Amino acid sequence: MIVVTGGAGFIGSNLVAALAARGEEVAVVDRLGGDERWRNLAKHEIAALVAPEALGEYLDGLAAAPRAICHLGAIS
């Protein structure tokens, strides 16, 4: 499992696409809000879509620690 924060943004969604193409299990942490960023993820299989405020609880509930966390989240 690889966790990508900001995974629905431009850079994050491209990383998610590349990881998914390699067969990686990917969890995306992002707040989709009212815009159309969900379209960046629509074509890719992801293990989970996690709200930023729920990340700690999500990580605590995993059977094993993620192999990596790619922090690409920002408020812009």
N, C-alpha and C. Protein backbone atom coordinates (compact mmCIF):
# COMPACT_ATOMS: atom_id res chain seq x y z
N MET A 1 0.85 -1.18 0.00
CA MET A 1 0.00 0.00 0.00
C MET A 1 0.89 1.23 0.00
N ILE A 2 0.54 2.16 -0.88
CA ILE A 2 1.19 3.46 -0.91
C ILE A 2 0.10 4.51 -0.71
N VAL A 3 0.33 5.44 0.19
CA VAL A 3 -0.62 6.50 0.47
C VAL A 3 -0.13 7.77 -0.22
N VAL A 4 -1.05 8.43 -0.96
CA VAL A 4 -0.70 9.67 -1.66
C VAL A 4 -1.62 10.77 -1.13
N THR A 5 -1.04 11.72 -0.37
CA THR A 5 -1.84 12.87 0.05
C THR A 5 -1.87 13.85 -1.12
N GLY A 6 -3.00 14.51 -1.30
CA GLY A 6 -3.15 15.40 -2.45
C GLY A 6 -3.30 14.62 -3.74
N GLY A 7 -3.78 13.39 -3.64
CA GLY A 7 -3.85 12.50 -4.79
C GLY A 7 -4.85 12.86 -5.86
N ALA A 8 -5.73 13.81 -5.60
CA ALA A 8 -6.69 14.23 -6.63
C ALA A 8 -6.22 15.47 -7.38
N GLY A 9 -5.14 16.08 -6.93
CA GLY A 9 -4.60 17.24 -7.63
C GLY A 9 -3.86 16.82 -8.89
N PHE A 10 -3.32 17.79 -9.61
CA PHE A 10 -2.68 17.51 -10.89
C PHE A 10 -1.48 16.58 -10.73
N ILE A 11 -0.54 16.94 -9.87
CA ILE A 11 0.66 16.12 -9.70
C ILE A 11 0.31 14.81 -9.00
N GLY A 12 -0.48 14.90 -7.94
CA GLY A 12 -0.85 13.70 -7.20
C GLY A 12 -1.59 12.68 -8.04
N SER A 13 -2.52 13.14 -8.87
CA SER A 13 -3.29 12.20 -9.69
C SER A 13 -2.41 11.54 -10.74
N ASN A 14 -1.40 12.24 -11.22
CA ASN A 14 -0.47 11.61 -12.17
C ASN A 14 0.39 10.55 -11.47
N LEU A 15 0.77 10.81 -10.22
CA LEU A 15 1.49 9.80 -9.46
C LEU A 15 0.59 8.60 -9.20
N VAL A 16 -0.66 8.84 -8.82
CA VAL A 16 -1.61 7.75 -8.60
C VAL A 16 -1.76 6.91 -9.86
N ALA A 17 -1.87 7.56 -11.02
CA ALA A 17 -2.00 6.84 -12.29
C ALA A 17 -0.78 5.96 -12.55
N ALA A 18 0.41 6.50 -12.32
CA ALA A 18 1.64 5.73 -12.56
C ALA A 18 1.74 4.55 -11.60
N LEU A 19 1.40 4.77 -10.34
CA LEU A 19 1.46 3.68 -9.36
C LEU A 19 0.43 2.60 -9.68
N ALA A 20 -0.79 3.02 -10.04
CA ALA A 20 -1.84 2.06 -10.39
C ALA A 20 -1.44 1.25 -11.62
N ALA A 21 -0.80 1.89 -12.59
CA ALA A 21 -0.36 1.19 -13.80
C ALA A 21 0.69 0.13 -13.47
N ARG A 22 1.44 0.34 -12.40
CA ARG A 22 2.44 -0.65 -11.96
C ARG A 22 1.84 -1.74 -11.09
N GLY A 23 0.54 -1.63 -10.83
CA GLY A 23 -0.13 -2.63 -10.02
C GLY A 23 -0.05 -2.38 -8.53
N GLU A 24 0.36 -1.19 -8.14
CA GLU A 24 0.44 -0.85 -6.71
C GLU A 24 -0.95 -0.62 -6.14
N GLU A 25 -1.12 -0.96 -4.88
CA GLU A 25 -2.33 -0.63 -4.14
C GLU A 25 -2.14 0.78 -3.60
N VAL A 26 -3.07 1.69 -3.95
CA VAL A 26 -2.90 3.11 -3.64
C VAL A 26 -4.12 3.62 -2.87
N ALA A 27 -3.85 4.34 -1.78
CA ALA A 27 -4.89 5.06 -1.06
C ALA A 27 -4.67 6.54 -1.28
N VAL A 28 -5.73 7.26 -1.61
CA VAL A 28 -5.65 8.69 -1.88
C VAL A 28 -6.24 9.46 -0.71
N VAL A 29 -5.49 10.44 -0.24
CA VAL A 29 -5.97 11.33 0.81
C VAL A 29 -6.18 12.69 0.18
N ASP A 30 -7.43 13.14 0.16
CA ASP A 30 -7.73 14.44 -0.44
C ASP A 30 -9.15 14.84 -0.07
N ARG A 31 -9.42 16.09 -0.24
CA ARG A 31 -10.76 16.63 -0.05
C ARG A 31 -11.24 17.07 -1.43
N LEU A 32 -12.20 16.36 -1.98
CA LEU A 32 -12.63 16.66 -3.35
C LEU A 32 -13.43 17.94 -3.44
N GLY A 33 -14.15 18.30 -2.40
CA GLY A 33 -14.90 19.56 -2.41
C GLY A 33 -15.95 19.59 -3.50
N GLY A 34 -16.22 20.78 -3.99
CA GLY A 34 -17.27 20.95 -4.98
C GLY A 34 -16.77 21.03 -6.41
N ASP A 35 -15.47 20.94 -6.60
CA ASP A 35 -14.97 21.04 -7.98
C ASP A 35 -14.93 19.67 -8.64
N GLU A 36 -14.30 19.58 -9.77
CA GLU A 36 -14.33 18.35 -10.55
C GLU A 36 -13.01 17.58 -10.49
N ARG A 37 -12.26 17.72 -9.40
CA ARG A 37 -10.99 17.00 -9.29
C ARG A 37 -11.18 15.49 -9.25
N TRP A 38 -12.38 15.03 -8.90
CA TRP A 38 -12.65 13.60 -8.89
C TRP A 38 -12.38 12.99 -10.26
N ARG A 39 -12.51 13.79 -11.31
CA ARG A 39 -12.26 13.27 -12.67
C ARG A 39 -10.82 12.83 -12.85
N ASN A 40 -9.90 13.45 -12.09
CA ASN A 40 -8.49 13.06 -12.18
C ASN A 40 -8.29 11.61 -11.73
N LEU A 41 -9.18 11.11 -10.90
CA LEU A 41 -9.04 9.76 -10.34
C LEU A 41 -10.00 8.75 -10.96
N ALA A 42 -10.96 9.21 -11.74
CA ALA A 42 -12.05 8.35 -12.20
C ALA A 42 -11.59 7.14 -12.99
N LYS A 43 -10.48 7.23 -13.68
CA LYS A 43 -10.04 6.13 -14.54
C LYS A 43 -9.12 5.14 -13.83
N HIS A 44 -8.85 5.36 -12.56
CA HIS A 44 -7.86 4.55 -11.86
C HIS A 44 -8.48 3.83 -10.67
N GLU A 45 -8.05 2.59 -10.47
CA GLU A 45 -8.52 1.84 -9.32
C GLU A 45 -7.69 2.23 -8.11
N ILE A 46 -8.38 2.67 -7.07
CA ILE A 46 -7.69 3.04 -5.83
C ILE A 46 -8.27 2.20 -4.69
N ALA A 47 -7.45 1.96 -3.69
CA ALA A 47 -7.88 1.14 -2.55
C ALA A 47 -8.82 1.91 -1.64
N ALA A 48 -8.59 3.22 -1.51
CA ALA A 48 -9.41 4.03 -0.61
C ALA A 48 -9.28 5.50 -0.97
N LEU A 49 -10.35 6.24 -0.70
CA LEU A 49 -10.34 7.69 -0.77
C LEU A 49 -10.60 8.17 0.65
N VAL A 50 -9.62 8.83 1.24
CA VAL A 50 -9.66 9.17 2.66
C VAL A 50 -9.68 10.69 2.82
N ALA A 51 -10.58 11.20 3.64
CA ALA A 51 -10.59 12.62 3.96
C ALA A 51 -9.36 12.94 4.81
N PRO A 52 -8.74 14.10 4.61
CA PRO A 52 -7.52 14.43 5.36
C PRO A 52 -7.69 14.31 6.88
N GLU A 53 -8.83 14.71 7.39
CA GLU A 53 -9.03 14.66 8.84
C GLU A 53 -9.19 13.23 9.35
N ALA A 54 -9.40 12.26 8.47
CA ALA A 54 -9.57 10.86 8.86
C ALA A 54 -8.31 10.02 8.62
N LEU A 55 -7.22 10.65 8.20
CA LEU A 55 -6.01 9.90 7.85
C LEU A 55 -5.46 9.10 9.02
N GLY A 56 -5.36 9.70 10.19
CA GLY A 56 -4.83 8.99 11.36
C GLY A 56 -5.61 7.73 11.67
N GLU A 57 -6.92 7.86 11.69
CA GLU A 57 -7.78 6.71 11.97
C GLU A 57 -7.64 5.65 10.87
N TYR A 58 -7.54 6.09 9.62
CA TYR A 58 -7.36 5.14 8.51
C TYR A 58 -6.06 4.36 8.67
N LEU A 59 -4.97 5.06 8.95
CA LEU A 59 -3.68 4.40 9.11
C LEU A 59 -3.68 3.43 10.29
N ASP A 60 -4.33 3.84 11.39
CA ASP A 60 -4.43 2.96 12.56
C ASP A 60 -5.17 1.67 12.25
N GLY A 61 -6.12 1.73 11.30
CA GLY A 61 -6.94 0.57 10.96
C GLY A 61 -6.32 -0.37 9.94
N LEU A 62 -5.20 -0.01 9.36
CA LEU A 62 -4.56 -0.88 8.37
C LEU A 62 -3.93 -2.09 9.05
N ALA A 63 -3.96 -3.21 8.36
CA ALA A 63 -3.35 -4.43 8.89
C ALA A 63 -1.83 -4.32 8.92
N ALA A 64 -1.27 -3.60 7.96
CA ALA A 64 0.19 -3.40 7.89
C ALA A 64 0.45 -1.93 7.55
N ALA A 65 1.59 -1.45 7.98
CA ALA A 65 1.95 -0.06 7.68
C ALA A 65 2.14 0.11 6.17
N PRO A 66 1.82 1.30 5.64
CA PRO A 66 2.05 1.53 4.21
C PRO A 66 3.55 1.46 3.89
N ARG A 67 3.87 1.04 2.67
CA ARG A 67 5.27 1.01 2.25
C ARG A 67 5.82 2.42 2.10
N ALA A 68 4.94 3.36 1.74
CA ALA A 68 5.38 4.74 1.55
C ALA A 68 4.19 5.67 1.69
N ILE A 69 4.49 6.90 2.11
CA ILE A 69 3.50 7.98 2.09
C ILE A 69 4.12 9.10 1.27
N CYS A 70 3.46 9.45 0.17
CA CYS A 70 3.93 10.53 -0.70
C CYS A 70 3.09 11.76 -0.38
N HIS A 71 3.70 12.75 0.24
CA HIS A 71 2.97 13.93 0.68
C HIS A 71 2.99 14.99 -0.41
N LEU A 72 1.89 15.08 -1.14
CA LEU A 72 1.74 16.07 -2.20
C LEU A 72 0.57 17.00 -1.91
N GLY A 73 -0.01 16.89 -0.73
CA GLY A 73 -1.15 17.72 -0.37
C GLY A 73 -0.73 19.14 -0.02
N ALA A 74 -1.55 20.08 -0.44
CA ALA A 74 -1.32 21.49 -0.14
C ALA A 74 -2.64 22.23 -0.23
N ILE A 75 -2.69 23.36 0.39
CA ILE A 75 -3.87 24.23 0.26
C ILE A 75 -3.47 25.34 -0.69
N SER A 76 -4.09 25.32 -1.86
CA SER A 76 -3.72 26.34 -2.85
C SER A 76 -4.94 26.95 -3.48
